[in-house]
């Protein structure tokens, strides 16, 4: 009975329930591992983590069902071409994990469960290692957006460079705009803090140079790693 349900004349390889369920179970386990790796030392949303956890199993089922069936393969390809992401563009890291989850599900769906597990283990270890050592010139947690208000008659060209060189690993002036009916200027810098415990000292020194006007230090709003 089950053979007639899971196979037809256009399917070259009959689908067996045992291997299929085993592949789905392994895919769910690997998806859970991927979700844990994604959550390691990073901010995340529950919906995205859930997606990573179940995406390998979904892809596994799709690959298993279209195995050897040309008509079903064309239909699935057409269905996927209609899918659109309706949310804001994700970061490069988010998209990489989506592709990794799909890759794991594809390999598991083809029956190579050990290879899928090996790929998951290697990629998760590498990702968590990079996240732990903060690959690059600076870890994301030290990136800040610095807003400094200065009076209109103050030359701010190189006014704050000495202080910023002392407390930051980099600083870049992103925006200059007028405020308060043109009587003030607001400068926006992207900076990387050398030591997060020195934020107050840096602000105190900046206040001595901008006439004790408003200064704000916050997490950077722009996602520089968006694709």
N, C-alpha and C. Protein backbone atom coordinates (compact mmCIF):
# COMPACT_ATOMS: atom_id res chain seq x y z
N UNK A 1 0.82 -1.21 0.00
CA UNK A 1 0.00 0.00 0.00
C UNK A 1 0.86 1.26 0.00
N UNK A 2 1.88 1.30 0.93
CA UNK A 2 2.72 2.47 1.01
C UNK A 2 3.57 2.64 -0.23
N UNK A 3 3.93 1.52 -0.87
CA UNK A 3 4.70 1.63 -2.11
C UNK A 3 3.91 2.34 -3.18
N UNK A 4 2.59 2.09 -3.24
CA UNK A 4 1.77 2.74 -4.25
C UNK A 4 1.57 4.22 -3.95
N UNK A 5 1.67 4.59 -2.67
CA UNK A 5 1.50 6.00 -2.31
C UNK A 5 2.76 6.80 -2.61
N UNK A 6 3.93 6.24 -2.29
CA UNK A 6 5.18 6.98 -2.39
C UNK A 6 5.98 6.67 -3.65
N UNK A 7 5.37 6.07 -4.62
CA UNK A 7 6.05 5.86 -5.91
C UNK A 7 5.01 5.82 -7.00
N UNK A 8 5.42 6.24 -8.22
CA UNK A 8 4.54 6.17 -9.37
C UNK A 8 5.39 5.88 -10.59
N UNK A 9 4.75 5.90 -11.75
CA UNK A 9 5.44 5.51 -12.97
C UNK A 9 6.52 6.50 -13.38
N UNK A 10 6.44 7.76 -12.90
CA UNK A 10 7.45 8.76 -13.27
C UNK A 10 8.59 8.84 -12.28
N UNK A 11 8.54 8.05 -11.23
CA UNK A 11 9.61 8.06 -10.23
C UNK A 11 10.52 6.88 -10.46
N UNK A 12 11.82 7.17 -10.70
CA UNK A 12 12.76 6.10 -10.98
C UNK A 12 13.19 5.37 -9.73
N UNK A 13 13.19 6.06 -8.57
CA UNK A 13 13.62 5.45 -7.31
C UNK A 13 12.47 5.54 -6.31
N UNK A 14 11.88 4.41 -5.90
CA UNK A 14 10.79 4.44 -4.91
C UNK A 14 11.26 5.04 -3.60
N UNK A 15 10.38 5.78 -2.95
CA UNK A 15 10.71 6.43 -1.68
C UNK A 15 10.32 5.50 -0.54
N UNK A 16 11.26 5.22 0.34
CA UNK A 16 11.02 4.36 1.49
C UNK A 16 10.87 5.23 2.73
N UNK A 17 9.87 4.88 3.54
CA UNK A 17 9.57 5.70 4.70
C UNK A 17 10.69 5.70 5.72
N UNK A 18 11.34 4.56 5.93
CA UNK A 18 12.41 4.47 6.94
C UNK A 18 13.56 5.43 6.67
N UNK A 19 14.20 5.35 5.50
CA UNK A 19 15.29 6.29 5.20
C UNK A 19 14.84 7.75 5.19
N UNK A 20 13.61 7.98 4.72
CA UNK A 20 13.12 9.36 4.68
C UNK A 20 12.99 9.94 6.08
N UNK A 21 12.38 9.18 6.99
CA UNK A 21 12.21 9.66 8.36
C UNK A 21 13.56 9.81 9.06
N UNK A 22 14.50 8.90 8.76
CA UNK A 22 15.83 9.02 9.34
C UNK A 22 16.52 10.29 8.85
N UNK A 23 16.38 10.57 7.57
CA UNK A 23 16.97 11.79 7.03
C UNK A 23 16.37 13.05 7.64
N UNK A 24 15.04 13.04 7.83
CA UNK A 24 14.38 14.19 8.44
C UNK A 24 14.84 14.37 9.89
N UNK A 25 14.96 13.26 10.62
CA UNK A 25 15.39 13.34 12.02
C UNK A 25 16.82 13.89 12.12
N UNK A 26 17.70 13.39 11.26
CA UNK A 26 19.08 13.88 11.27
C UNK A 26 19.12 15.36 10.87
N UNK A 27 18.31 15.75 9.90
CA UNK A 27 18.27 17.14 9.46
C UNK A 27 17.79 18.06 10.57
N UNK A 28 16.77 17.61 11.32
CA UNK A 28 16.29 18.42 12.44
C UNK A 28 17.37 18.58 13.51
N UNK A 29 18.10 17.50 13.77
CA UNK A 29 19.18 17.58 14.76
C UNK A 29 20.28 18.52 14.29
N UNK A 30 20.65 18.43 13.01
CA UNK A 30 21.69 19.32 12.48
C UNK A 30 21.21 20.77 12.43
N UNK A 31 19.91 20.96 12.14
CA UNK A 31 19.37 22.31 12.16
C UNK A 31 19.42 22.91 13.56
N UNK A 32 19.18 22.09 14.57
CA UNK A 32 19.28 22.56 15.95
C UNK A 32 20.71 22.99 16.28
N UNK A 33 21.68 22.22 15.80
CA UNK A 33 23.09 22.58 16.01
C UNK A 33 23.42 23.90 15.31
N UNK A 34 22.93 24.07 14.08
CA UNK A 34 23.15 25.32 13.36
C UNK A 34 22.54 26.51 14.11
N UNK A 35 21.36 26.31 14.66
CA UNK A 35 20.70 27.38 15.41
C UNK A 35 21.51 27.77 16.64
N UNK A 36 22.06 26.77 17.33
CA UNK A 36 22.89 27.06 18.50
C UNK A 36 24.15 27.82 18.10
N UNK A 37 24.76 27.42 16.98
CA UNK A 37 25.97 28.12 16.51
C UNK A 37 25.65 29.55 16.12
N UNK A 38 24.49 29.76 15.52
CA UNK A 38 24.11 31.13 15.12
C UNK A 38 23.90 32.01 16.36
N UNK A 39 23.35 31.44 17.43
CA UNK A 39 23.07 32.21 18.64
C UNK A 39 24.31 32.53 19.45
N UNK A 40 25.43 31.89 19.13
CA UNK A 40 26.64 32.05 19.94
C UNK A 40 27.16 33.49 19.85
N UNK A 41 27.11 34.19 20.96
CA UNK A 41 27.65 35.55 21.08
C UNK A 41 27.11 36.51 20.02
N UNK A 42 25.84 36.42 19.74
CA UNK A 42 25.23 37.33 18.76
C UNK A 42 23.78 37.56 19.12
N UNK A 43 23.27 38.73 18.76
CA UNK A 43 21.86 39.01 18.95
C UNK A 43 21.05 38.31 17.87
N UNK A 44 19.87 37.81 18.24
CA UNK A 44 19.10 37.02 17.30
C UNK A 44 17.62 37.13 17.63
N UNK A 45 16.82 36.75 16.66
CA UNK A 45 15.37 36.72 16.85
C UNK A 45 14.90 35.26 16.90
N UNK A 46 13.81 35.05 17.61
CA UNK A 46 13.28 33.70 17.77
C UNK A 46 12.84 33.12 16.43
N UNK A 47 12.24 33.95 15.58
CA UNK A 47 11.74 33.45 14.30
C UNK A 47 12.87 33.00 13.39
N UNK A 48 13.99 33.74 13.38
CA UNK A 48 15.10 33.35 12.51
C UNK A 48 15.77 32.08 13.01
N UNK A 49 15.91 31.95 14.33
CA UNK A 49 16.49 30.74 14.89
C UNK A 49 15.62 29.53 14.58
N UNK A 50 14.29 29.68 14.69
CA UNK A 50 13.37 28.60 14.35
C UNK A 50 13.50 28.23 12.87
N UNK A 51 13.66 29.23 12.02
CA UNK A 51 13.83 28.96 10.59
C UNK A 51 15.07 28.13 10.33
N UNK A 52 16.18 28.50 10.97
CA UNK A 52 17.41 27.74 10.79
C UNK A 52 17.26 26.30 11.27
N UNK A 53 16.48 26.11 12.33
CA UNK A 53 16.35 24.78 12.91
C UNK A 53 15.56 23.83 12.01
N UNK A 54 14.55 24.35 11.30
CA UNK A 54 13.69 23.47 10.51
C UNK A 54 14.01 23.49 9.02
N UNK A 55 14.79 24.48 8.56
CA UNK A 55 15.06 24.58 7.13
C UNK A 55 15.77 23.36 6.56
N UNK A 56 16.79 22.79 7.23
CA UNK A 56 17.41 21.58 6.68
C UNK A 56 16.43 20.43 6.48
N UNK A 57 15.50 20.24 7.41
CA UNK A 57 14.53 19.16 7.27
C UNK A 57 13.60 19.40 6.09
N UNK A 58 13.20 20.66 5.88
CA UNK A 58 12.33 20.98 4.75
C UNK A 58 13.02 20.69 3.44
N UNK A 59 14.26 21.15 3.31
CA UNK A 59 15.02 20.91 2.07
C UNK A 59 15.26 19.42 1.88
N UNK A 60 15.51 18.71 2.98
CA UNK A 60 15.73 17.27 2.90
C UNK A 60 14.52 16.56 2.31
N UNK A 61 13.33 16.92 2.78
CA UNK A 61 12.10 16.30 2.26
C UNK A 61 11.91 16.62 0.79
N UNK A 62 12.16 17.87 0.41
CA UNK A 62 11.99 18.27 -0.99
C UNK A 62 12.93 17.49 -1.90
N UNK A 63 14.19 17.39 -1.50
CA UNK A 63 15.16 16.67 -2.32
C UNK A 63 14.82 15.20 -2.41
N UNK A 64 14.35 14.62 -1.30
CA UNK A 64 13.99 13.20 -1.32
C UNK A 64 12.79 12.95 -2.22
N UNK A 65 11.84 13.86 -2.23
CA UNK A 65 10.64 13.67 -3.03
C UNK A 65 10.88 13.83 -4.53
N UNK A 66 11.78 14.70 -4.92
CA UNK A 66 12.00 14.93 -6.35
C UNK A 66 13.13 14.06 -6.90
N UNK A 67 13.68 13.20 -6.08
CA UNK A 67 14.79 12.35 -6.52
C UNK A 67 14.35 11.45 -7.66
N UNK A 68 14.88 11.72 -8.85
CA UNK A 68 14.57 10.90 -10.00
C UNK A 68 13.29 11.27 -10.72
N UNK A 69 12.55 12.24 -10.21
CA UNK A 69 11.29 12.64 -10.83
C UNK A 69 11.49 13.98 -11.52
N UNK A 70 11.60 13.96 -12.84
CA UNK A 70 11.89 15.18 -13.58
C UNK A 70 10.74 16.19 -13.47
N UNK A 71 9.51 15.70 -13.59
CA UNK A 71 8.35 16.59 -13.51
C UNK A 71 8.25 17.28 -12.17
N UNK A 72 8.44 16.53 -11.09
CA UNK A 72 8.38 17.13 -9.76
C UNK A 72 9.51 18.12 -9.55
N UNK A 73 10.69 17.83 -10.09
CA UNK A 73 11.83 18.74 -9.97
C UNK A 73 11.56 20.07 -10.63
N UNK A 74 10.97 20.03 -11.84
CA UNK A 74 10.62 21.28 -12.54
C UNK A 74 9.56 22.05 -11.77
N UNK A 75 8.58 21.35 -11.21
CA UNK A 75 7.52 22.02 -10.45
C UNK A 75 8.07 22.69 -9.19
N UNK A 76 8.97 22.00 -8.48
CA UNK A 76 9.55 22.57 -7.26
C UNK A 76 10.41 23.78 -7.60
N UNK A 77 11.19 23.68 -8.69
CA UNK A 77 12.01 24.82 -9.10
C UNK A 77 11.15 26.03 -9.42
N UNK A 78 10.02 25.79 -10.07
CA UNK A 78 9.11 26.90 -10.36
C UNK A 78 8.49 27.49 -9.12
N UNK A 79 8.17 26.63 -8.15
CA UNK A 79 7.59 27.13 -6.89
C UNK A 79 8.59 27.98 -6.12
N UNK A 80 9.84 27.52 -6.06
CA UNK A 80 10.87 28.29 -5.34
C UNK A 80 11.14 29.62 -6.02
N UNK A 81 10.99 29.67 -7.34
CA UNK A 81 11.23 30.93 -8.05
C UNK A 81 10.19 31.99 -7.72
N UNK A 82 9.04 31.57 -7.18
CA UNK A 82 7.99 32.51 -6.81
C UNK A 82 8.13 33.03 -5.39
N UNK A 83 9.01 32.42 -4.60
CA UNK A 83 9.17 32.81 -3.21
C UNK A 83 10.00 34.08 -3.13
N UNK A 84 9.51 35.04 -2.35
CA UNK A 84 10.24 36.29 -2.15
C UNK A 84 10.34 36.56 -0.66
N UNK A 85 11.52 37.05 -0.25
CA UNK A 85 11.68 37.48 1.13
C UNK A 85 11.08 38.88 1.26
N UNK A 86 10.09 39.03 2.13
CA UNK A 86 9.38 40.30 2.25
C UNK A 86 9.83 41.10 3.46
N UNK A 87 10.94 40.69 4.07
CA UNK A 87 11.47 41.45 5.19
C UNK A 87 12.65 42.29 4.72
N UNK A 88 13.20 43.08 5.65
CA UNK A 88 14.36 43.90 5.31
C UNK A 88 15.55 43.00 4.99
N UNK A 89 16.49 43.47 4.15
CA UNK A 89 17.64 42.65 3.79
C UNK A 89 18.40 42.21 5.03
N UNK A 90 18.77 40.95 5.06
CA UNK A 90 19.49 40.44 6.21
C UNK A 90 20.98 40.73 6.11
N UNK A 91 21.69 40.48 7.20
CA UNK A 91 23.13 40.69 7.19
C UNK A 91 23.80 39.56 6.43
N UNK A 92 25.07 39.76 6.11
CA UNK A 92 25.83 38.74 5.40
C UNK A 92 25.87 37.43 6.20
N UNK A 93 25.96 37.54 7.51
CA UNK A 93 26.00 36.35 8.37
C UNK A 93 24.69 35.59 8.32
N UNK A 94 23.57 36.30 8.34
CA UNK A 94 22.26 35.65 8.26
C UNK A 94 22.11 34.88 6.96
N UNK A 95 22.48 35.52 5.86
CA UNK A 95 22.34 34.88 4.55
C UNK A 95 23.27 33.67 4.44
N UNK A 96 24.47 33.77 5.02
CA UNK A 96 25.39 32.64 4.99
C UNK A 96 24.81 31.44 5.74
N UNK A 97 24.17 31.69 6.88
CA UNK A 97 23.57 30.58 7.63
C UNK A 97 22.37 30.00 6.89
N UNK A 98 21.63 30.83 6.19
CA UNK A 98 20.52 30.30 5.39
C UNK A 98 21.04 29.35 4.32
N UNK A 99 22.09 29.76 3.60
CA UNK A 99 22.66 28.89 2.58
C UNK A 99 23.27 27.63 3.19
N UNK A 100 23.88 27.77 4.37
CA UNK A 100 24.45 26.60 5.04
C UNK A 100 23.35 25.61 5.43
N UNK A 101 22.23 26.12 5.95
CA UNK A 101 21.12 25.25 6.33
C UNK A 101 20.55 24.53 5.11
N UNK A 102 20.43 25.24 3.99
CA UNK A 102 19.94 24.61 2.77
C UNK A 102 20.92 23.56 2.25
N UNK A 103 22.21 23.86 2.36
CA UNK A 103 23.23 22.90 1.92
C UNK A 103 23.16 21.62 2.75
N UNK A 104 23.02 21.76 4.07
CA UNK A 104 22.94 20.59 4.94
C UNK A 104 21.70 19.77 4.61
N UNK A 105 20.57 20.43 4.41
CA UNK A 105 19.35 19.71 4.05
C UNK A 105 19.46 19.01 2.72
N UNK A 106 20.12 19.66 1.74
CA UNK A 106 20.30 19.04 0.43
C UNK A 106 21.15 17.78 0.52
N UNK A 107 22.26 17.87 1.25
CA UNK A 107 23.14 16.70 1.39
C UNK A 107 22.42 15.58 2.12
N UNK A 108 21.67 15.91 3.18
CA UNK A 108 20.93 14.88 3.92
C UNK A 108 19.84 14.28 3.06
N UNK A 109 19.17 15.10 2.25
CA UNK A 109 18.12 14.59 1.37
C UNK A 109 18.64 13.63 0.32
N UNK A 110 19.91 13.80 -0.07
CA UNK A 110 20.52 12.88 -1.04
C UNK A 110 20.98 11.58 -0.39
N UNK A 111 20.88 11.50 0.94
CA UNK A 111 21.22 10.27 1.64
C UNK A 111 22.59 10.25 2.27
N UNK A 112 23.36 11.33 2.14
CA UNK A 112 24.71 11.37 2.70
C UNK A 112 24.65 12.00 4.09
N UNK A 113 24.13 11.24 5.04
CA UNK A 113 23.90 11.78 6.37
C UNK A 113 25.19 12.08 7.10
N UNK A 114 26.18 11.21 6.95
CA UNK A 114 27.47 11.44 7.63
C UNK A 114 28.14 12.70 7.08
N UNK A 115 28.07 12.89 5.77
CA UNK A 115 28.65 14.09 5.17
C UNK A 115 27.94 15.35 5.66
N UNK A 116 26.62 15.28 5.79
CA UNK A 116 25.87 16.43 6.29
C UNK A 116 26.28 16.77 7.72
N UNK A 117 26.45 15.73 8.55
CA UNK A 117 26.87 15.95 9.93
C UNK A 117 28.29 16.53 9.99
N UNK A 118 29.18 16.02 9.13
CA UNK A 118 30.56 16.51 9.12
C UNK A 118 30.62 17.98 8.69
N UNK A 119 29.86 18.33 7.65
CA UNK A 119 29.83 19.72 7.18
C UNK A 119 29.29 20.63 8.28
N UNK A 120 28.23 20.20 8.95
CA UNK A 120 27.65 21.01 10.02
C UNK A 120 28.65 21.22 11.14
N UNK A 121 29.33 20.16 11.56
CA UNK A 121 30.29 20.26 12.66
C UNK A 121 31.43 21.21 12.31
N UNK A 122 31.99 21.05 11.11
CA UNK A 122 33.14 21.88 10.72
C UNK A 122 32.74 23.35 10.62
N UNK A 123 31.63 23.63 9.95
CA UNK A 123 31.22 25.01 9.74
C UNK A 123 30.81 25.69 11.05
N UNK A 124 30.16 24.93 11.94
CA UNK A 124 29.77 25.51 13.22
C UNK A 124 30.99 25.83 14.09
N UNK A 125 31.96 24.92 14.11
CA UNK A 125 33.17 25.16 14.89
C UNK A 125 33.92 26.38 14.36
N UNK A 126 34.05 26.46 13.04
CA UNK A 126 34.76 27.60 12.44
C UNK A 126 34.03 28.90 12.73
N UNK A 127 32.71 28.90 12.57
CA UNK A 127 31.92 30.11 12.82
C UNK A 127 32.02 30.56 14.27
N UNK A 128 31.89 29.63 15.20
CA UNK A 128 31.98 29.99 16.61
C UNK A 128 33.38 30.45 16.99
N UNK A 129 34.40 29.87 16.35
CA UNK A 129 35.77 30.30 16.62
C UNK A 129 35.99 31.73 16.15
N UNK A 130 35.54 32.04 14.94
CA UNK A 130 35.65 33.40 14.42
C UNK A 130 34.89 34.38 15.30
N UNK A 131 33.71 33.97 15.76
CA UNK A 131 32.90 34.84 16.60
C UNK A 131 33.57 35.08 17.94
N UNK A 132 34.25 34.05 18.45
CA UNK A 132 34.88 34.16 19.77
C UNK A 132 36.11 35.06 19.75
N UNK A 133 36.88 35.00 18.66
CA UNK A 133 38.12 35.78 18.60
C UNK A 133 37.92 37.12 17.92
N UNK A 134 36.67 37.43 17.50
CA UNK A 134 36.36 38.72 16.87
C UNK A 134 37.26 38.98 15.68
N UNK A 135 37.09 38.18 14.63
CA UNK A 135 37.92 38.30 13.45
C UNK A 135 37.79 39.69 12.86
N UNK A 136 38.91 40.24 12.45
CA UNK A 136 38.90 41.57 11.86
C UNK A 136 39.58 42.57 12.78
N UNK A 137 39.63 43.84 12.40
CA UNK A 137 40.31 44.83 13.20
C UNK A 137 39.63 45.14 14.51
N UNK A 138 38.32 44.79 14.59
CA UNK A 138 37.57 45.14 15.79
C UNK A 138 36.34 44.29 15.91
N UNK A 139 36.00 43.89 17.13
CA UNK A 139 34.77 43.14 17.33
C UNK A 139 33.56 44.03 17.18
N UNK A 140 32.45 43.47 16.73
CA UNK A 140 31.24 44.25 16.51
C UNK A 140 30.75 44.92 17.78
N UNK A 141 31.00 44.30 18.95
CA UNK A 141 30.47 44.83 20.19
C UNK A 141 31.09 46.16 20.56
N UNK A 142 32.24 46.52 20.00
CA UNK A 142 32.92 47.77 20.32
C UNK A 142 32.59 48.89 19.34
N UNK A 143 31.83 48.61 18.30
CA UNK A 143 31.45 49.64 17.33
C UNK A 143 30.39 50.56 17.93
N UNK A 144 30.59 51.84 17.81
CA UNK A 144 29.67 52.81 18.37
C UNK A 144 29.40 53.94 17.38
N UNK A 145 28.28 54.59 17.58
CA UNK A 145 27.93 55.80 16.84
C UNK A 145 28.02 56.97 17.81
N UNK A 146 28.86 57.94 17.47
CA UNK A 146 29.12 59.08 18.35
C UNK A 146 28.52 60.34 17.74
N UNK A 147 27.64 61.02 18.50
CA UNK A 147 27.01 62.25 18.05
C UNK A 147 27.48 63.40 18.93
N UNK A 148 28.06 64.41 18.28
CA UNK A 148 28.61 65.56 18.99
C UNK A 148 27.95 66.83 18.47
N UNK A 149 27.43 67.64 19.38
CA UNK A 149 26.83 68.92 19.02
C UNK A 149 27.84 70.03 19.29
N UNK A 150 28.04 70.90 18.30
CA UNK A 150 29.00 72.00 18.44
C UNK A 150 28.33 73.30 18.02
N UNK A 151 28.76 74.45 18.57
CA UNK A 151 28.20 75.74 18.14
C UNK A 151 28.64 76.08 16.72
N UNK A 152 27.87 76.91 16.05
CA UNK A 152 28.12 77.20 14.65
C UNK A 152 29.43 77.94 14.40
N UNK A 153 29.95 78.67 15.40
CA UNK A 153 31.17 79.44 15.22
C UNK A 153 32.43 78.67 15.59
N UNK A 154 32.29 77.37 15.87
CA UNK A 154 33.43 76.55 16.27
C UNK A 154 33.95 75.76 15.08
N UNK A 155 35.26 75.86 14.81
CA UNK A 155 35.88 75.09 13.73
C UNK A 155 36.13 73.67 14.23
N UNK A 156 35.35 72.72 13.73
CA UNK A 156 35.43 71.34 14.23
C UNK A 156 36.26 70.42 13.33
N UNK A 157 36.97 70.97 12.36
CA UNK A 157 37.68 70.15 11.37
C UNK A 157 38.57 69.10 12.03
N UNK A 158 39.50 69.54 12.87
CA UNK A 158 40.42 68.61 13.54
C UNK A 158 40.29 68.73 15.06
N UNK A 159 39.18 69.26 15.51
CA UNK A 159 39.04 69.58 16.93
C UNK A 159 39.04 68.35 17.82
N UNK A 160 38.42 67.26 17.36
CA UNK A 160 38.24 66.08 18.22
C UNK A 160 39.19 64.93 17.87
N UNK A 161 40.05 65.12 16.88
CA UNK A 161 40.90 64.02 16.42
C UNK A 161 41.83 63.49 17.51
N UNK A 162 42.40 64.39 18.30
CA UNK A 162 43.33 63.96 19.34
C UNK A 162 42.65 63.06 20.36
N UNK A 163 41.46 63.44 20.79
CA UNK A 163 40.73 62.64 21.78
C UNK A 163 40.29 61.31 21.17
N UNK A 164 39.79 61.34 19.93
CA UNK A 164 39.32 60.11 19.29
C UNK A 164 40.47 59.16 19.01
N UNK A 165 41.63 59.68 18.63
CA UNK A 165 42.80 58.82 18.42
C UNK A 165 43.21 58.12 19.72
N UNK A 166 42.99 58.77 20.82
CA UNK A 166 43.37 58.23 22.13
C UNK A 166 42.46 57.09 22.57
N UNK A 167 41.15 57.23 22.31
CA UNK A 167 40.19 56.27 22.87
C UNK A 167 39.60 55.29 21.84
N UNK A 168 39.85 55.49 20.57
CA UNK A 168 39.24 54.62 19.56
C UNK A 168 40.30 54.01 18.65
N UNK A 169 39.94 52.87 18.07
CA UNK A 169 40.81 52.23 17.10
C UNK A 169 40.61 52.80 15.70
N UNK A 170 39.46 53.37 15.46
CA UNK A 170 39.17 54.07 14.22
C UNK A 170 38.06 55.07 14.47
N UNK A 171 38.01 56.10 13.67
CA UNK A 171 36.90 57.05 13.74
C UNK A 171 36.71 57.65 12.36
N UNK A 172 35.44 57.75 11.96
CA UNK A 172 35.10 58.26 10.63
C UNK A 172 33.90 59.19 10.74
N UNK A 173 34.08 60.41 10.25
CA UNK A 173 32.98 61.38 10.27
C UNK A 173 32.00 61.02 9.17
N UNK A 174 30.77 60.67 9.56
CA UNK A 174 29.77 60.19 8.61
C UNK A 174 28.81 61.29 8.17
N UNK A 175 28.38 62.14 9.10
CA UNK A 175 27.34 63.13 8.81
C UNK A 175 27.64 64.44 9.52
N UNK A 176 27.39 65.53 8.82
CA UNK A 176 27.43 66.86 9.41
C UNK A 176 26.13 67.56 9.02
N UNK A 177 25.37 68.01 10.00
CA UNK A 177 24.13 68.71 9.68
C UNK A 177 23.86 69.79 10.71
N UNK A 178 23.07 70.78 10.31
CA UNK A 178 22.72 71.87 11.21
C UNK A 178 21.49 71.49 12.01
N UNK A 179 21.36 72.11 13.18
CA UNK A 179 20.20 71.88 14.04
C UNK A 179 19.91 73.15 14.84
N UNK A 180 18.78 73.17 15.49
CA UNK A 180 18.38 74.33 16.30
C UNK A 180 18.40 75.62 15.48
N UNK A 181 17.70 75.60 14.34
CA UNK A 181 17.59 76.76 13.45
C UNK A 181 18.94 77.23 12.92
N UNK A 182 19.86 76.29 12.74
CA UNK A 182 21.15 76.62 12.17
C UNK A 182 22.17 77.16 13.15
N UNK A 183 21.83 77.23 14.42
CA UNK A 183 22.77 77.77 15.41
C UNK A 183 23.74 76.73 15.92
N UNK A 184 23.48 75.47 15.62
CA UNK A 184 24.34 74.39 16.07
C UNK A 184 24.62 73.44 14.91
N UNK A 185 25.75 72.70 15.02
CA UNK A 185 26.07 71.63 14.10
C UNK A 185 26.04 70.32 14.88
N UNK A 186 25.58 69.28 14.21
CA UNK A 186 25.60 67.95 14.82
C UNK A 186 26.48 67.05 13.97
N UNK A 187 27.54 66.51 14.57
CA UNK A 187 28.48 65.63 13.90
C UNK A 187 28.20 64.19 14.30
N UNK A 188 28.21 63.29 13.33
CA UNK A 188 27.99 61.87 13.61
C UNK A 188 29.21 61.09 13.14
N UNK A 189 29.86 60.40 14.08
CA UNK A 189 31.03 59.60 13.81
C UNK A 189 30.71 58.12 13.99
N UNK A 190 31.33 57.27 13.19
CA UNK A 190 31.41 55.85 13.48
C UNK A 190 32.77 55.59 14.11
N UNK A 191 32.76 55.02 15.31
CA UNK A 191 34.01 54.82 16.04
C UNK A 191 34.08 53.38 16.56
N UNK A 192 35.30 52.95 16.84
CA UNK A 192 35.51 51.66 17.49
C UNK A 192 36.25 51.88 18.80
N UNK A 193 35.62 51.57 19.90
CA UNK A 193 36.20 51.83 21.22
C UNK A 193 37.36 50.88 21.51
N UNK A 194 38.47 51.43 22.00
CA UNK A 194 39.58 50.59 22.44
C UNK A 194 39.21 49.84 23.72
N UNK A 195 38.55 50.54 24.61
CA UNK A 195 38.16 49.97 25.90
C UNK A 195 36.79 50.53 26.26
N UNK A 196 35.80 49.65 26.35
CA UNK A 196 34.44 50.10 26.62
C UNK A 196 34.29 50.73 28.00
N UNK A 197 35.21 50.47 28.90
CA UNK A 197 35.14 51.07 30.24
C UNK A 197 35.59 52.52 30.24
N UNK A 198 36.16 53.00 29.13
CA UNK A 198 36.65 54.37 29.05
C UNK A 198 35.67 55.31 28.34
N UNK A 199 34.43 54.89 28.17
CA UNK A 199 33.47 55.73 27.46
C UNK A 199 33.24 57.07 28.18
N UNK A 200 33.12 57.02 29.49
CA UNK A 200 32.87 58.25 30.24
C UNK A 200 34.05 59.21 30.14
N UNK A 201 35.26 58.69 30.25
CA UNK A 201 36.43 59.54 30.16
C UNK A 201 36.51 60.23 28.79
N UNK A 202 36.19 59.49 27.74
CA UNK A 202 36.22 60.08 26.40
C UNK A 202 35.18 61.18 26.27
N UNK A 203 33.97 60.93 26.77
CA UNK A 203 32.91 61.94 26.67
C UNK A 203 33.28 63.18 27.47
N UNK A 204 33.90 63.00 28.66
CA UNK A 204 34.30 64.16 29.47
C UNK A 204 35.33 65.01 28.73
N UNK A 205 36.27 64.39 28.05
CA UNK A 205 37.27 65.16 27.31
C UNK A 205 36.66 65.84 26.09
N UNK A 206 35.69 65.18 25.45
CA UNK A 206 35.02 65.81 24.31
C UNK A 206 34.18 67.00 24.75
N UNK A 207 33.58 66.93 25.93
CA UNK A 207 32.76 68.03 26.44
C UNK A 207 33.59 69.29 26.65
N UNK A 208 34.86 69.11 26.98
CA UNK A 208 35.73 70.28 27.17
C UNK A 208 36.04 70.99 25.86
N UNK A 209 35.75 70.31 24.74
CA UNK A 209 36.10 70.89 23.44
C UNK A 209 34.87 71.37 22.66
N UNK A 210 33.69 70.92 23.03
CA UNK A 210 32.49 71.34 22.28
C UNK A 210 31.60 72.30 23.06
N UNK A 211 32.16 72.90 24.11
CA UNK A 211 31.39 73.86 24.89
C UNK A 211 30.36 73.22 25.79
N UNK A 212 30.59 71.97 26.18
CA UNK A 212 29.69 71.24 27.09
C UNK A 212 28.29 71.07 26.51
N UNK A 213 28.19 70.99 25.17
CA UNK A 213 26.91 70.73 24.54
C UNK A 213 26.67 69.21 24.49
N UNK A 214 25.55 68.83 23.92
CA UNK A 214 25.12 67.43 23.95
C UNK A 214 26.09 66.50 23.22
N UNK A 215 26.39 65.37 23.83
CA UNK A 215 27.18 64.29 23.23
C UNK A 215 26.46 62.98 23.51
N UNK A 216 26.32 62.16 22.48
CA UNK A 216 25.63 60.87 22.63
C UNK A 216 26.49 59.77 22.03
N UNK A 217 26.59 58.65 22.74
CA UNK A 217 27.35 57.48 22.28
C UNK A 217 26.42 56.28 22.32
N UNK A 218 26.20 55.64 21.17
CA UNK A 218 25.25 54.53 21.10
C UNK A 218 25.75 53.49 20.12
N UNK A 219 25.06 52.34 20.08
CA UNK A 219 25.39 51.31 19.11
C UNK A 219 25.12 51.83 17.71
N UNK A 220 25.94 51.42 16.77
CA UNK A 220 25.76 51.87 15.40
C UNK A 220 24.45 51.37 14.85
N UNK A 221 23.69 52.26 14.24
CA UNK A 221 22.39 51.91 13.70
C UNK A 221 22.51 51.24 12.34
N UNK A 222 23.48 51.64 11.56
CA UNK A 222 23.64 51.09 10.21
C UNK A 222 24.29 49.73 10.29
N UNK A 223 23.78 48.76 9.51
CA UNK A 223 24.36 47.43 9.41
C UNK A 223 25.32 47.41 8.24
N UNK A 224 26.62 47.55 8.54
CA UNK A 224 27.62 47.63 7.48
C UNK A 224 27.83 46.31 6.76
N UNK A 225 27.30 45.22 7.33
CA UNK A 225 27.52 43.92 6.71
C UNK A 225 26.29 43.43 5.94
N UNK A 226 25.36 44.34 5.61
CA UNK A 226 24.19 43.92 4.84
C UNK A 226 24.57 43.59 3.40
N UNK A 227 23.83 42.66 2.80
CA UNK A 227 24.03 42.32 1.41
C UNK A 227 22.89 42.91 0.58
